[in-house]
C-alpha cells in the first residue's frame, strides 16, 4: 500500500485554513499532519513533522510565506512547498518561486487541482495553476534580461525535435505523466529529455521552461 502524502497547511485565515483541511481530508491519498497560522509556526512544525508538502499562504503575519519558504528549505531541502495566493495577479508568486516553492495555487482551487499539484511536485515537477500562469510569465519577462539576447533564437536550435516537443507540452501545463502518455513513452524517458533540455538552455525549473517556451514562440 502506497503511503499517503503528508501535508501541512499554513494560512492565517481560519475559513481558508479549515476549508483546505476539509478538502484535503476528502482525498484518499492525502494525510493532513497539521495546520498553522503564520510562517514561523509553519517552519517550526515542518521541521518537527517532516511533511512531504507544505501548502504555504504568501501573506501571513510575523513571517510571510516567502520568508518562511526560504527559511524552511534551508533547514529541510527535501520538503516541497506549494504557494497559496488569493489573487491571480499576485506578484509575490514570483518571489515565492525564487525562494524555492515548487508551484502555486489560487485559494479557490478544488480537490482535483490540489491533488494534481501535490503529485506533480512530488514527481519532481512544478504545480502551475493556469489561472496565474500568464501573470507569472509577464513578471518573468519583465524581470529577466538575457545575458546574450541576440543568441537566444539560436539556443532553441540546440534542442532535438523531441526535446522541443517536450518543452512545448510542458508549457501547455502537462505533467510528466501526461507527457509520457501523450508521446507513448515512459516517464523516465520524459525526465531524461527534460534534464537534457534544461542543461542545454540553462534552465533551473519548470517555471523558467514555460517562460522560455512562450518567449521563443514554441506555444501561443
Protein backbone atom coordinates (compact mmCIF):
# COMPACT_ATOMS: atom_id res chain seq x y z
CA UNK A 1 0.00 0.00 0.00
CA UNK A 2 1.35 3.39 -1.01
CA UNK A 3 1.69 5.72 2.00
CA UNK A 4 -0.39 8.91 1.87
CA UNK A 5 1.07 12.29 1.00
CA UNK A 6 1.67 14.09 4.29
CA UNK A 7 0.60 17.74 4.01
CA UNK A 8 0.99 20.74 6.30
CA UNK A 9 -1.35 23.71 5.75
CA UNK A 10 -0.23 27.26 6.59
CA UNK A 11 -2.76 30.11 6.32
CA UNK A 12 -3.70 32.86 8.75
CA UNK A 13 -7.34 32.99 7.62
CA UNK A 14 -9.31 30.42 9.57
CA UNK A 15 -12.01 29.95 6.94
CA UNK A 16 -9.39 29.25 4.27
CA UNK A 17 -7.29 27.04 6.54
CA UNK A 18 -10.25 24.97 7.68
CA UNK A 19 -11.54 24.75 4.12
CA UNK A 20 -8.24 23.40 2.84
CA UNK A 21 -8.05 20.87 5.67
CA UNK A 22 -11.57 19.71 4.85
CA UNK A 23 -10.85 19.37 1.11
CA UNK A 24 -7.60 17.53 1.76
CA UNK A 25 -9.39 15.23 4.19
CA UNK A 26 -11.61 14.05 1.35
CA UNK A 27 -8.64 12.87 -0.70
CA UNK A 28 -7.77 9.22 -0.05
CA UNK A 29 -4.09 9.66 -0.87
CA UNK A 30 -3.56 12.60 1.50
CA UNK A 31 -2.97 12.93 5.24
CA UNK A 32 -3.10 16.38 6.88
CA UNK A 33 -0.41 16.40 9.57
CA UNK A 34 -1.03 19.93 10.81
CA UNK A 35 -2.46 23.40 10.21
CA UNK A 36 -0.77 26.62 11.34
CA UNK A 37 -1.46 30.34 11.20
CA UNK A 38 1.83 32.01 10.29
CA UNK A 39 5.23 31.48 8.72
CA UNK A 40 7.13 30.95 11.95
CA UNK A 41 4.74 28.19 13.00
CA UNK A 42 4.95 26.67 9.53
CA UNK A 43 8.73 26.42 9.69
CA UNK A 44 8.76 25.03 13.24
CA UNK A 45 6.08 22.40 12.60
CA UNK A 46 7.53 21.38 9.23
CA UNK A 47 10.95 20.81 10.81
CA UNK A 48 9.30 18.78 13.58
CA UNK A 49 6.90 16.70 11.45
CA UNK A 50 8.75 16.46 8.10
CA UNK A 51 5.68 16.68 5.83
CA UNK A 52 6.00 15.83 2.14
CA UNK A 53 4.35 19.08 1.05
CA UNK A 54 3.57 22.41 2.71
CA UNK A 55 0.69 24.47 1.30
CA UNK A 56 2.01 27.92 2.16
CA UNK A 57 -0.04 31.12 2.16
CA UNK A 58 2.06 34.00 0.85
CA UNK A 59 0.63 36.69 3.14
CA UNK A 60 0.76 35.85 6.83
CA UNK A 61 1.65 37.85 9.97
CA UNK A 62 5.06 37.81 11.71
CA UNK A 63 6.71 35.82 8.91
CA UNK A 64 5.20 35.75 5.41
CA UNK A 65 5.13 32.73 3.14
CA UNK A 66 8.11 33.83 1.07
CA UNK A 67 10.47 34.16 4.02
CA UNK A 68 9.04 31.00 5.60
CA UNK A 69 9.69 29.06 2.38
CA UNK A 70 13.26 30.30 2.20
CA UNK A 71 13.95 29.51 5.86
CA UNK A 72 12.30 26.09 5.73
CA UNK A 73 14.16 24.92 2.64
CA UNK A 74 17.47 25.94 4.18
CA UNK A 75 16.70 23.55 7.04
CA UNK A 76 14.92 20.81 5.08
CA UNK A 77 15.62 20.91 1.31
CA UNK A 78 13.54 17.77 0.73
CA UNK A 79 10.17 19.28 1.65
CA UNK A 80 8.10 20.60 -1.24
CA UNK A 81 6.37 23.97 -0.88
CA UNK A 82 3.32 24.99 -2.90
CA UNK A 83 2.47 28.67 -2.53
CA UNK A 84 -1.13 29.74 -1.98
CA UNK A 85 -2.35 33.03 -3.39
CA UNK A 86 -5.71 34.79 -3.28
CA UNK A 87 -5.28 36.83 -6.45
CA UNK A 88 -4.21 35.53 -9.86
CA UNK A 89 -2.01 38.59 -10.45
CA UNK A 90 -0.17 38.35 -7.13
CA UNK A 91 3.42 39.42 -7.88
CA UNK A 92 4.57 37.63 -4.71
CA UNK A 93 4.26 34.33 -6.60
CA UNK A 94 7.48 35.06 -8.46
CA UNK A 95 9.32 35.77 -5.21
CA UNK A 96 7.96 32.54 -3.72
CA UNK A 97 9.31 30.55 -6.67
CA UNK A 98 12.66 32.27 -6.30
CA UNK A 99 12.61 31.31 -2.61
CA UNK A 100 12.22 27.67 -3.62
CA UNK A 101 8.48 27.00 -3.90
CA UNK A 102 7.75 24.25 -6.42
CA UNK A 103 4.43 25.64 -7.55
CA UNK A 104 1.46 27.77 -6.70
CA UNK A 105 -2.32 27.53 -6.46
CA UNK A 106 -5.10 30.03 -6.01
CA UNK A 107 -7.08 29.53 -2.82
CA UNK A 108 -10.24 28.66 -4.72
CA UNK A 109 -8.61 25.54 -6.20
CA UNK A 110 -10.73 22.43 -5.80
CA UNK A 111 -9.80 18.94 -4.67
CA UNK A 112 -8.73 17.66 -8.11
CA UNK A 113 -6.45 20.66 -8.70
CA UNK A 114 -4.86 20.35 -5.26
CA UNK A 115 -4.39 16.60 -5.68
CA UNK A 116 -2.74 17.09 -9.06
CA UNK A 117 -0.44 19.77 -7.64
CA UNK A 118 0.65 17.50 -4.78
CA UNK A 119 1.52 14.65 -7.12
CA UNK A 120 3.27 16.95 -9.60
CA UNK A 121 5.67 18.43 -7.05
CA UNK A 122 6.41 15.02 -5.53
CA UNK A 123 7.11 13.76 -9.05
CA UNK A 124 9.80 16.39 -9.38
CA UNK A 125 7.71 18.76 -11.47
CA UNK A 126 6.13 22.11 -10.77
CA UNK A 127 2.48 22.80 -10.00
CA UNK A 128 1.45 25.79 -12.10
CA UNK A 129 -2.14 26.99 -11.76
CA UNK A 130 -3.34 28.10 -15.23
CA UNK A 131 -5.25 30.95 -13.56
CA UNK A 132 -1.99 32.69 -12.63
CA UNK A 133 0.39 31.27 -15.23
CA UNK A 134 0.23 34.17 -17.69
CA UNK A 135 0.79 36.68 -14.88
CA UNK A 136 3.92 34.79 -13.89
CA UNK A 137 5.13 34.83 -17.48
CA UNK A 138 4.61 38.59 -17.65
CA UNK A 139 6.61 39.00 -14.45
CA UNK A 140 9.43 36.79 -15.71
CA UNK A 141 9.58 38.73 -18.98
CA UNK A 142 9.75 41.98 -17.04
CA UNK A 143 12.39 40.90 -14.54
CA UNK A 144 14.55 38.68 -16.75
CA UNK A 145 17.20 40.17 -19.01
CA UNK A 146 19.06 37.60 -21.14
CA UNK A 147 22.83 37.93 -20.92
CA UNK A 148 23.12 37.36 -24.68
CA UNK A 149 19.76 38.41 -26.17
CA UNK A 150 20.89 38.03 -29.77
CA UNK A 151 21.84 34.40 -29.18
CA UNK A 152 18.52 33.27 -27.69
CA UNK A 153 16.91 32.24 -31.00
CA UNK A 154 19.95 30.06 -31.79
CA UNK A 155 19.63 28.31 -28.42
CA UNK A 156 16.35 26.71 -29.48
CA UNK A 157 18.15 25.02 -32.36
CA UNK A 158 20.30 23.15 -29.87
CA UNK A 159 17.28 21.09 -28.84
CA UNK A 160 16.30 17.91 -30.63
CA UNK A 161 12.83 17.67 -32.16
CA UNK A 162 11.65 15.51 -29.26
CA UNK A 163 13.13 17.86 -26.64
CA UNK A 164 11.36 20.78 -28.32
CA UNK A 165 8.11 18.81 -28.27
CA UNK A 166 8.52 18.01 -24.57
CA UNK A 167 9.21 21.68 -23.81
CA UNK A 168 6.07 22.71 -25.69
CA UNK A 169 3.95 20.18 -23.81
CA UNK A 170 5.37 21.41 -20.50
CA UNK A 171 4.38 24.95 -21.47
CA UNK A 172 0.84 23.70 -22.07
CA UNK A 173 0.75 22.64 -18.42
CA UNK A 174 1.20 18.90 -18.84
CA UNK A 175 2.76 16.87 -16.04
CA UNK A 176 5.50 14.31 -16.72
CA UNK A 177 2.90 11.56 -16.57
CA UNK A 178 0.65 13.30 -19.10
CA UNK A 179 3.58 13.98 -21.43
CA UNK A 180 4.60 10.32 -21.26
CA UNK A 181 1.06 9.22 -22.13
CA UNK A 182 0.85 11.74 -24.97
CA UNK A 183 4.17 10.68 -26.51
CA UNK A 184 3.69 6.99 -25.66
CA UNK A 185 6.99 6.76 -23.79
CA UNK A 186 7.98 6.08 -20.20
CA UNK A 187 8.09 8.79 -17.53
CA UNK A 188 11.78 8.04 -17.16
CA UNK A 189 12.31 8.96 -20.81
CA UNK A 190 10.40 12.20 -20.32
CA UNK A 191 12.54 13.09 -17.30
CA UNK A 192 15.68 12.40 -19.33
CA UNK A 193 14.51 14.74 -22.09
CA UNK A 194 13.68 17.42 -19.53
CA UNK A 195 17.08 17.13 -17.85
CA UNK A 196 18.80 17.40 -21.21
CA UNK A 197 16.87 20.45 -22.38
CA UNK A 198 17.33 22.16 -19.01
CA UNK A 199 21.09 21.65 -19.31
CA UNK A 200 21.22 22.79 -22.94
CA UNK A 201 19.37 26.08 -22.48
CA UNK A 202 20.38 26.83 -18.90
CA UNK A 203 17.07 26.42 -17.07
CA UNK A 204 16.64 25.67 -13.38
CA UNK A 205 13.00 24.69 -13.11
CA UNK A 206 9.68 24.19 -14.87
CA UNK A 207 8.52 27.78 -14.43
CA UNK A 208 11.56 29.04 -16.34
CA UNK A 209 10.95 26.43 -19.02
CA UNK A 210 7.38 27.65 -19.52
CA UNK A 211 8.54 31.26 -19.81
CA UNK A 212 11.27 30.23 -22.25
CA UNK A 213 8.79 28.36 -24.44
CA UNK A 214 6.48 31.37 -24.62
CA UNK A 215 9.30 33.82 -25.35
CA UNK A 216 10.54 31.69 -28.23
CA UNK A 217 7.16 31.03 -29.80
CA UNK A 218 7.00 27.33 -29.01
CA UNK A 219 3.48 27.82 -27.69
CA UNK A 220 0.90 30.59 -28.10
